[in-house]
Amino acid sequence: AFRGTDGTLIGWKEDFQLSYQYPVPAQEEAGRYVSFLSRELPPNVKFYIGGHSKGGNLAIYSAASCSDATKSRLLGIYSFDGPGFSFNLHETEEYKKIGGIVHHLVPSASFVGMLLQSAPGTRFIKNKAVWLKQHSPFTWEVGEEDFDYEPGWDINAKNRIVAVNSWLADQSYEERKSFTEMLYHIASSSGAGNIFRPGSSWATKMSRILEATRAVDAKARGRLIETLKLMVLLSIRARG
């Protein structure tokens, strides 16, 4: 099983890198780990691969990229609210070899798990938490033998994702990279290496962020503002 992103800024930066880079370092490491397991486990032992959040993405990548011999030993691949890929991985021959045992399970108002390109067949888990709080598996509703599922995706959550994915579709990989680097620079300027442990008051943190934003060259700053405006506009359009 693969864990999701921790609170470090560099970890979140790699999450954004999923939108323009393939593979990212974590995916390569996951692939090596599954190959290691395949060698170390007795050859007659079959196993599952799974993960939550980015860990779900790593589970799918490692399964798709492993050898055919290892693929034949996989019983199932589970991505729990894991984001997709920067392209349609599910259309590749390597993915098709495992597609029948891939399970993409997300909460009913999923945001993280519906980012980028995912294979069809996602199942939506009942959840009473609010929006991003649904990302925690501890808020997912469970029945006697399985999760309790909704018939479809929450419409408000769908509108938000349509807006974000529409924006991404209009950006080149280089533009996505530039935007990510700029956001990382601004966020890291706060002095907080971990988003869950800011290390200083929010007033100090925001002051540093605003200062870093002003320090960005006018062209880049204008691009950031225009990008945020476009995402708001796309969100409004998605709501109809």
C-alpha atoms as a PDB file:
ATOM      1  CA  ALA A   1       0.000   0.000   0.000  1.00  0.00           C
ATOM      2  CA  PHE A   2       1.211   3.489  -0.842  1.00  0.00           C
ATOM      3  CA  ARG A   3       0.578   6.503   1.367  1.00  0.00           C
ATOM      4  CA  GLY A   4      -0.596   9.847   0.058  1.00  0.00           C
ATOM      5  CA  THR A   5       1.097  13.209   0.182  1.00  0.00           C
ATOM      6  CA  ASP A   6       2.447  14.414   3.504  1.00  0.00           C
ATOM      7  CA  GLY A   7       2.269  18.049   4.542  1.00  0.00           C
ATOM      8  CA  THR A   8       5.579  19.141   3.046  1.00  0.00           C
ATOM      9  CA  LEU A   9       5.511  21.793   0.349  1.00  0.00           C
ATOM     10  CA  ILE A  10       7.825  19.713  -1.818  1.00  0.00           C
ATOM     11  CA  GLY A  11       5.341  16.847  -1.567  1.00  0.00           C
ATOM     12  CA  TRP A  12       2.498  19.070  -2.724  1.00  0.00           C
ATOM     13  CA  LYS A  13       4.681  20.455  -5.492  1.00  0.00           C
ATOM     14  CA  GLU A  14       5.097  16.924  -6.812  1.00  0.00           C
ATOM     15  CA  ASP A  15       1.309  16.540  -6.763  1.00  0.00           C
ATOM     16  CA  PHE A  16       1.082  19.504  -9.126  1.00  0.00           C
ATOM     17  CA  GLN A  17       3.842  17.964 -11.242  1.00  0.00           C
ATOM     18  CA  LEU A  18       1.461  15.113 -12.037  1.00  0.00           C
ATOM     19  CA  SER A  19      -0.281  17.554 -14.394  1.00  0.00           C
ATOM     20  CA  TYR A  20       2.720  17.926 -16.696  1.00  0.00           C
ATOM     21  CA  GLN A  21       5.358  15.310 -15.878  1.00  0.00           C
ATOM     22  CA  TYR A  22       5.344  11.546 -16.380  1.00  0.00           C
ATOM     23  CA  PRO A  23       6.668   9.817 -14.493  1.00  0.00           C
ATOM     24  CA  VAL A  24       7.333  11.867 -11.369  1.00  0.00           C
ATOM     25  CA  PRO A  25      10.005  10.603  -8.922  1.00  0.00           C
ATOM     26  CA  ALA A  26       7.432   9.060  -6.566  1.00  0.00           C
ATOM     27  CA  GLN A  27       5.959   7.012  -9.427  1.00  0.00           C
ATOM     28  CA  GLU A  28       9.379   5.691 -10.393  1.00  0.00           C
ATOM     29  CA  GLU A  29      10.100   4.768  -6.778  1.00  0.00           C
ATOM     30  CA  ALA A  30       6.724   3.014  -6.519  1.00  0.00           C
ATOM     31  CA  GLY A  31       7.504   1.011  -9.641  1.00  0.00           C
ATOM     32  CA  ARG A  32      10.838  -0.092  -8.207  1.00  0.00           C
ATOM     33  CA  TYR A  33       9.167  -1.082  -4.941  1.00  0.00           C
ATOM     34  CA  VAL A  34       6.608  -3.323  -6.656  1.00  0.00           C
ATOM     35  CA  SER A  35       9.387  -4.948  -8.688  1.00  0.00           C
ATOM     36  CA  PHE A  36      11.278  -5.537  -5.434  1.00  0.00           C
ATOM     37  CA  LEU A  37       8.213  -7.130  -3.823  1.00  0.00           C
ATOM     38  CA  SER A  38       7.728  -9.362  -6.828  1.00  0.00           C
ATOM     39  CA  ARG A  39      11.292 -10.641  -6.509  1.00  0.00           C
ATOM     40  CA  GLU A  40      11.199 -11.080  -2.725  1.00  0.00           C
ATOM     41  CA  LEU A  41       7.818 -12.793  -2.391  1.00  0.00           C
ATOM     42  CA  PRO A  42       7.533 -16.498  -3.231  1.00  0.00           C
ATOM     43  CA  PRO A  43       6.587 -16.833  -6.929  1.00  0.00           C
ATOM     44  CA  ASN A  44       3.274 -18.524  -6.104  1.00  0.00           C
ATOM     45  CA  VAL A  45       2.129 -15.615  -3.897  1.00  0.00           C
ATOM     46  CA  LYS A  46      -0.318 -13.173  -5.452  1.00  0.00           C
ATOM     47  CA  PHE A  47      -0.986  -9.747  -3.995  1.00  0.00           C
ATOM     48  CA  TYR A  48      -2.959  -6.504  -4.089  1.00  0.00           C
ATOM     49  CA  ILE A  49      -1.659  -2.981  -4.635  1.00  0.00           C
ATOM     50  CA  GLY A  50      -3.468   0.054  -3.283  1.00  0.00           C
ATOM     51  CA  GLY A  51      -3.125   3.532  -1.915  1.00  0.00           C
ATOM     52  CA  HIS A  52      -4.941   6.666  -0.800  1.00  0.00           C
ATOM     53  CA  SER A  53      -4.692  10.077  -2.502  1.00  0.00           C
ATOM     54  CA  LYS A  54      -1.432  10.255  -4.459  1.00  0.00           C
ATOM     55  CA  GLY A  55      -0.794   6.749  -3.156  1.00  0.00           C
ATOM     56  CA  GLY A  56      -3.682   5.576  -5.340  1.00  0.00           C
ATOM     57  CA  ASN A  57      -2.035   7.142  -8.369  1.00  0.00           C
ATOM     58  CA  LEU A  58       1.215   5.384  -7.441  1.00  0.00           C
ATOM     59  CA  ALA A  59      -0.605   2.057  -7.130  1.00  0.00           C
ATOM     60  CA  ILE A  60      -1.997   2.344 -10.655  1.00  0.00           C
ATOM     61  CA  TYR A  61       1.298   3.540 -12.120  1.00  0.00           C
ATOM     62  CA  SER A  62       3.320   0.763 -10.494  1.00  0.00           C
ATOM     63  CA  ALA A  63       0.862  -1.888 -11.682  1.00  0.00           C
ATOM     64  CA  ALA A  64       0.769  -0.560 -15.239  1.00  0.00           C
ATOM     65  CA  SER A  65       4.548  -0.247 -15.491  1.00  0.00           C
ATOM     66  CA  CYS A  66       5.573  -3.569 -13.959  1.00  0.00           C
ATOM     67  CA  SER A  67       6.528  -6.655 -15.951  1.00  0.00           C
ATOM     68  CA  ASP A  68       3.927  -8.995 -17.407  1.00  0.00           C
ATOM     69  CA  ALA A  69       5.094 -11.669 -14.967  1.00  0.00           C
ATOM     70  CA  THR A  70       4.311  -9.367 -12.044  1.00  0.00           C
ATOM     71  CA  LYS A  71       1.015  -8.280 -13.603  1.00  0.00           C
ATOM     72  CA  SER A  72      -0.084 -11.918 -13.674  1.00  0.00           C
ATOM     73  CA  ARG A  73       0.295 -12.063  -9.883  1.00  0.00           C
ATOM     74  CA  LEU A  74      -1.862  -9.024  -9.140  1.00  0.00           C
ATOM     75  CA  LEU A  75      -5.278  -9.702  -7.605  1.00  0.00           C
ATOM     76  CA  GLY A  76      -6.465  -6.105  -7.627  1.00  0.00           C
ATOM     77  CA  ILE A  77      -5.354  -2.472  -7.749  1.00  0.00           C
ATOM     78  CA  TYR A  78      -7.188   0.018  -5.535  1.00  0.00           C
ATOM     79  CA  SER A  79      -6.993   3.788  -5.829  1.00  0.00           C
ATOM     80  CA  PHE A  80      -8.819   5.469  -2.949  1.00  0.00           C
ATOM     81  CA  ASP A  81      -9.546   9.037  -4.048  1.00  0.00           C
ATOM     82  CA  GLY A  82      -6.335   9.070  -6.051  1.00  0.00           C
ATOM     83  CA  PRO A  83      -5.862  11.628  -8.855  1.00  0.00           C
ATOM     84  CA  GLY A  84      -5.469  10.621 -12.472  1.00  0.00           C
ATOM     85  CA  PHE A  85      -2.705  11.249 -14.968  1.00  0.00           C
ATOM     86  CA  SER A  86      -1.705  14.012 -17.372  1.00  0.00           C
ATOM     87  CA  PHE A  87      -2.822  11.821 -20.287  1.00  0.00           C
ATOM     88  CA  ASN A  88      -5.176   8.900 -20.882  1.00  0.00           C
ATOM     89  CA  LEU A  89      -3.044   6.181 -19.339  1.00  0.00           C
ATOM     90  CA  HIS A  90      -6.032   3.843 -19.475  1.00  0.00           C
ATOM     91  CA  GLU A  91      -5.796   3.833 -23.279  1.00  0.00           C
ATOM     92  CA  THR A  92      -2.272   2.372 -23.280  1.00  0.00           C
ATOM     93  CA  GLU A  93      -1.603  -1.310 -23.861  1.00  0.00           C
ATOM     94  CA  GLU A  94       0.165  -1.697 -20.515  1.00  0.00           C
ATOM     95  CA  TYR A  95      -2.860  -0.363 -18.626  1.00  0.00           C
ATOM     96  CA  LYS A  96      -5.309  -2.503 -20.582  1.00  0.00           C
ATOM     97  CA  LYS A  97      -3.540  -5.596 -19.240  1.00  0.00           C
ATOM     98  CA  ILE A  98      -4.628  -4.645 -15.699  1.00  0.00           C
ATOM     99  CA  GLY A  99      -7.725  -2.536 -16.396  1.00  0.00           C
ATOM    100  CA  GLY A 100     -10.132  -5.264 -15.362  1.00  0.00           C
ATOM    101  CA  ILE A 101      -8.820  -5.331 -11.794  1.00  0.00           C
ATOM    102  CA  VAL A 102      -8.387  -1.574 -11.238  1.00  0.00           C
ATOM    103  CA  HIS A 103     -10.829  -0.079  -8.720  1.00  0.00           C
ATOM    104  CA  HIS A 104     -11.084   3.705  -8.448  1.00  0.00           C
ATOM    105  CA  LEU A 105     -13.163   4.543  -5.377  1.00  0.00           C
ATOM    106  CA  VAL A 106     -13.838   8.144  -4.385  1.00  0.00           C
ATOM    107  CA  PRO A 107     -16.192  10.014  -2.012  1.00  0.00           C
ATOM    108  CA  SER A 108     -19.378  11.402  -3.532  1.00  0.00           C
ATOM    109  CA  ALA A 109     -18.060  14.987  -3.659  1.00  0.00           C
ATOM    110  CA  SER A 110     -14.529  14.007  -4.634  1.00  0.00           C
ATOM    111  CA  PHE A 111     -12.125  16.701  -5.766  1.00  0.00           C
ATOM    112  CA  VAL A 112      -8.658  15.169  -5.494  1.00  0.00           C
ATOM    113  CA  GLY A 113      -9.659  11.807  -6.938  1.00  0.00           C
ATOM    114  CA  MET A 114     -11.267  13.292 -10.050  1.00  0.00           C
ATOM    115  CA  LEU A 115      -8.401  15.578 -11.056  1.00  0.00           C
ATOM    116  CA  LEU A 116      -6.690  14.910 -14.397  1.00  0.00           C
ATOM    117  CA  GLN A 117      -7.443  11.873 -16.581  1.00  0.00           C
ATOM    118  CA  SER A 118      -8.850   8.747 -14.945  1.00  0.00           C
ATOM    119  CA  ALA A 119     -10.191   5.524 -16.375  1.00  0.00           C
ATOM    120  CA  PRO A 120     -13.992   5.144 -16.612  1.00  0.00           C
ATOM    121  CA  GLY A 121     -15.770   3.109 -13.976  1.00  0.00           C
ATOM    122  CA  THR A 122     -15.199   5.262 -10.888  1.00  0.00           C
ATOM    123  CA  ARG A 123     -17.490   4.409  -7.958  1.00  0.00           C
ATOM    124  CA  PHE A 124     -18.727   7.086  -5.557  1.00  0.00           C
ATOM    125  CA  ILE A 125     -18.866   6.415  -1.819  1.00  0.00           C
ATOM    126  CA  LYS A 126     -21.573   7.889   0.396  1.00  0.00           C
ATOM    127  CA  ASN A 127     -20.243  10.578   2.662  1.00  0.00           C
ATOM    128  CA  LYS A 128     -21.734  13.222   4.951  1.00  0.00           C
ATOM    129  CA  ALA A 129     -18.587  15.337   5.349  1.00  0.00           C
ATOM    130  CA  VAL A 130     -18.214  18.666   3.555  1.00  0.00           C
ATOM    131  CA  TRP A 131     -16.296  18.888   0.270  1.00  0.00           C
ATOM    132  CA  LEU A 132     -12.514  18.590   0.869  1.00  0.00           C
ATOM    133  CA  LYS A 133     -13.069  16.965   4.257  1.00  0.00           C
ATOM    134  CA  GLN A 134     -14.437  13.992   2.314  1.00  0.00           C
ATOM    135  CA  HIS A 135     -10.881  13.198   1.251  1.00  0.00           C
ATOM    136  CA  SER A 136     -10.350  11.515   4.625  1.00  0.00           C
ATOM    137  CA  PRO A 137     -11.304   7.807   4.387  1.00  0.00           C
ATOM    138  CA  PHE A 138     -12.503   7.979   7.993  1.00  0.00           C
ATOM    139  CA  THR A 139     -15.542   9.933   6.766  1.00  0.00           C
ATOM    140  CA  TRP A 140     -16.606   7.297   4.214  1.00  0.00           C
ATOM    141  CA  GLU A 141     -19.737   5.281   4.956  1.00  0.00           C
ATOM    142  CA  VAL A 142     -19.370   1.517   5.227  1.00  0.00           C
ATOM    143  CA  GLY A 143     -21.980  -1.227   4.953  1.00  0.00           C
ATOM    144  CA  GLU A 144     -21.800  -4.816   6.140  1.00  0.00           C
ATOM    145  CA  GLU A 145     -19.366  -6.035   3.487  1.00  0.00           C
ATOM    146  CA  ASP A 146     -18.400  -2.999   1.418  1.00  0.00           C
ATOM    147  CA  PHE A 147     -18.664   0.773   1.222  1.00  0.00           C
ATOM    148  CA  ASP A 148     -22.096   2.314   0.745  1.00  0.00           C
ATOM    149  CA  TYR A 149     -22.215   3.823  -2.733  1.00  0.00           C
ATOM    150  CA  GLU A 150     -24.030   6.721  -4.352  1.00  0.00           C
ATOM    151  CA  PRO A 151     -25.511   6.280  -7.851  1.00  0.00           C
ATOM    152  CA  GLY A 152     -23.366   9.122  -9.172  1.00  0.00           C
ATOM    153  CA  TRP A 153     -21.127  12.102  -8.585  1.00  0.00           C
ATOM    154  CA  ASP A 154     -22.257  15.155  -6.598  1.00  0.00           C
ATOM    155  CA  ILE A 155     -23.160  17.837  -9.177  1.00  0.00           C
ATOM    156  CA  ASN A 156     -21.431  20.706  -7.346  1.00  0.00           C
ATOM    157  CA  ALA A 157     -18.212  18.729  -7.028  1.00  0.00           C
ATOM    158  CA  LYS A 158     -18.450  17.827 -10.707  1.00  0.00           C
ATOM    159  CA  ASN A 159     -18.769  21.503 -11.662  1.00  0.00           C
ATOM    160  CA  ARG A 160     -15.630  22.383  -9.721  1.00  0.00           C
ATOM    161  CA  ILE A 161     -13.614  19.623 -11.349  1.00  0.00           C
ATOM    162  CA  VAL A 162     -14.906  20.468 -14.835  1.00  0.00           C
ATOM    163  CA  ALA A 163     -13.600  24.004 -14.283  1.00  0.00           C
ATOM    164  CA  VAL A 164     -10.154  22.875 -13.150  1.00  0.00           C
ATOM    165  CA  ASN A 165      -9.738  20.166 -15.782  1.00  0.00           C
ATOM    166  CA  SER A 166     -10.957  22.558 -18.510  1.00  0.00           C
ATOM    167  CA  TRP A 167      -8.305  25.040 -17.463  1.00  0.00           C
ATOM    168  CA  LEU A 168      -5.628  22.336 -17.485  1.00  0.00           C
ATOM    169  CA  ALA A 169      -6.701  21.174 -20.941  1.00  0.00           C
ATOM    170  CA  ASP A 170      -6.103  24.690 -22.274  1.00  0.00           C
ATOM    171  CA  GLN A 171      -2.584  24.908 -20.829  1.00  0.00           C
ATOM    172  CA  SER A 172       0.536  23.468 -22.398  1.00  0.00           C
ATOM    173  CA  TYR A 173       2.762  21.290 -20.219  1.00  0.00           C
ATOM    174  CA  GLU A 174       5.255  24.165 -20.082  1.00  0.00           C
ATOM    175  CA  GLU A 175       2.555  26.568 -18.878  1.00  0.00           C
ATOM    176  CA  ARG A 176       1.488  24.085 -16.202  1.00  0.00           C
ATOM    177  CA  LYS A 177       5.098  23.744 -15.077  1.00  0.00           C
ATOM    178  CA  SER A 178       5.608  27.517 -14.947  1.00  0.00           C
ATOM    179  CA  PHE A 179       2.427  27.964 -12.907  1.00  0.00           C
ATOM    180  CA  THR A 180       3.481  25.222 -10.471  1.00  0.00           C
ATOM    181  CA  GLU A 181       6.962  26.689 -10.002  1.00  0.00           C
ATOM    182  CA  MET A 182       5.476  30.115  -9.323  1.00  0.00           C
ATOM    183  CA  LEU A 183       2.984  28.802  -6.765  1.00  0.00           C
ATOM    184  CA  TYR A 184       5.718  26.810  -5.038  1.00  0.00           C
ATOM    185  CA  HIS A 185       7.980  29.864  -4.877  1.00  0.00           C
ATOM    186  CA  ILE A 186       5.213  31.979  -3.370  1.00  0.00           C
ATOM    187  CA  ALA A 187       4.129  29.303  -0.868  1.00  0.00           C
ATOM    188  CA  SER A 188       7.667  28.458   0.254  1.00  0.00           C
ATOM    189  CA  SER A 189       8.368  32.146   0.853  1.00  0.00           C
ATOM    190  CA  SER A 190       6.116  31.909   3.912  1.00  0.00           C
ATOM    191  CA  GLY A 191       8.865  29.985   5.661  1.00  0.00           C
ATOM    192  CA  ALA A 192       6.561  27.033   6.297  1.00  0.00           C
ATOM    193  CA  GLY A 193       8.025  23.788   5.045  1.00  0.00           C
ATOM    194  CA  ASN A 194       4.872  21.932   6.045  1.00  0.00           C
ATOM    195  CA  ILE A 195       1.369  23.226   5.265  1.00  0.00           C
ATOM    196  CA  PHE A 196      -0.020  21.551   8.392  1.00  0.00           C
ATOM    197  CA  ARG A 197       2.663  23.054  10.639  1.00  0.00           C
ATOM    198  CA  PRO A 198       3.118  26.639   9.471  1.00  0.00           C
ATOM    199  CA  GLY A 199       5.590  27.416  12.260  1.00  0.00           C
ATOM    200  CA  SER A 200       4.594  31.079  12.565  1.00  0.00           C
ATOM    201  CA  SER A 201       1.440  33.139  12.876  1.00  0.00           C
ATOM    202  CA  TRP A 202      -0.898  33.254   9.887  1.00  0.00           C
ATOM    203  CA  ALA A 203      -0.443  37.046   9.791  1.00  0.00           C
ATOM    204  CA  THR A 204       3.314  36.641   9.366  1.00  0.00           C
ATOM    205  CA  LYS A 205       2.817  33.841   6.875  1.00  0.00           C
ATOM    206  CA  MET A 206       0.406  35.843   4.699  1.00  0.00           C
ATOM    207  CA  SER A 207       2.652  38.912   4.877  1.00  0.00           C
ATOM    208  CA  ARG A 208       5.538  36.893   3.443  1.00  0.00           C
ATOM    209  CA  ILE A 209       3.321  35.383   0.754  1.00  0.00           C
ATOM    210  CA  LEU A 210       2.073  38.809  -0.340  1.00  0.00           C
ATOM    211  CA  GLU A 211       5.628  40.118  -0.390  1.00  0.00           C
ATOM    212  CA  ALA A 212       6.735  37.185  -2.556  1.00  0.00           C
ATOM    213  CA  THR A 213       3.787  37.727  -4.906  1.00  0.00           C
ATOM    214  CA  ARG A 214       4.759  41.374  -5.377  1.00  0.00           C
ATOM    215  CA  ALA A 215       8.347  40.286  -6.046  1.00  0.00           C
ATOM    216  CA  VAL A 216       7.281  38.065  -8.954  1.00  0.00           C
ATOM    217  CA  ASP A 217       7.879  39.821 -12.257  1.00  0.00           C
ATOM    218  CA  ALA A 218       4.900  41.705 -13.654  1.00  0.00           C
ATOM    219  CA  LYS A 219       4.361  39.301 -16.557  1.00  0.00           C
ATOM    220  CA  ALA A 220       4.275  36.214 -14.316  1.00  0.00           C
ATOM    221  CA  ARG A 221       2.084  37.968 -11.776  1.00  0.00           C
ATOM    222  CA  GLY A 222      -0.330  38.979 -14.510  1.00  0.00           C
ATOM    223  CA  ARG A 223      -0.436  35.378 -15.755  1.00  0.00           C
ATOM    224  CA  LEU A 224      -1.230  34.170 -12.233  1.00  0.00           C
ATOM    225  CA  ILE A 225      -4.079  36.667 -11.883  1.00  0.00           C
ATOM    226  CA  GLU A 226      -5.469  35.840 -15.324  1.00  0.00           C
ATOM    227  CA  THR A 227      -5.299  32.129 -14.540  1.00  0.00           C
ATOM    228  CA  LEU A 228      -7.261  32.570 -11.325  1.00  0.00           C
ATOM    229  CA  LYS A 229      -9.832  34.718 -13.145  1.00  0.00           C
ATOM    230  CA  LEU A 230     -10.198  32.069 -15.846  1.00  0.00           C
ATOM    231  CA  MET A 231     -10.741  29.330 -13.277  1.00  0.00           C
ATOM    232  CA  VAL A 232     -13.489  31.395 -11.640  1.00  0.00           C
ATOM    233  CA  LEU A 233     -15.113  31.995 -15.043  1.00  0.00           C
ATOM    234  CA  LEU A 234     -14.943  28.309 -15.969  1.00  0.00           C
ATOM    235  CA  SER A 235     -16.468  27.395 -12.613  1.00  0.00           C
ATOM    236  CA  ILE A 236     -19.392  29.759 -13.263  1.00  0.00           C
ATOM    237  CA  ARG A 237     -19.904  28.349 -16.760  1.00  0.00           C
ATOM    238  CA  ALA A 238     -19.796  24.782 -15.454  1.00  0.00           C
ATOM    239  CA  ARG A 239     -22.697  25.582 -13.160  1.00  0.00           C
ATOM    240  CA  GLY A 240     -24.724  26.521 -16.241  1.00  0.00           C
END
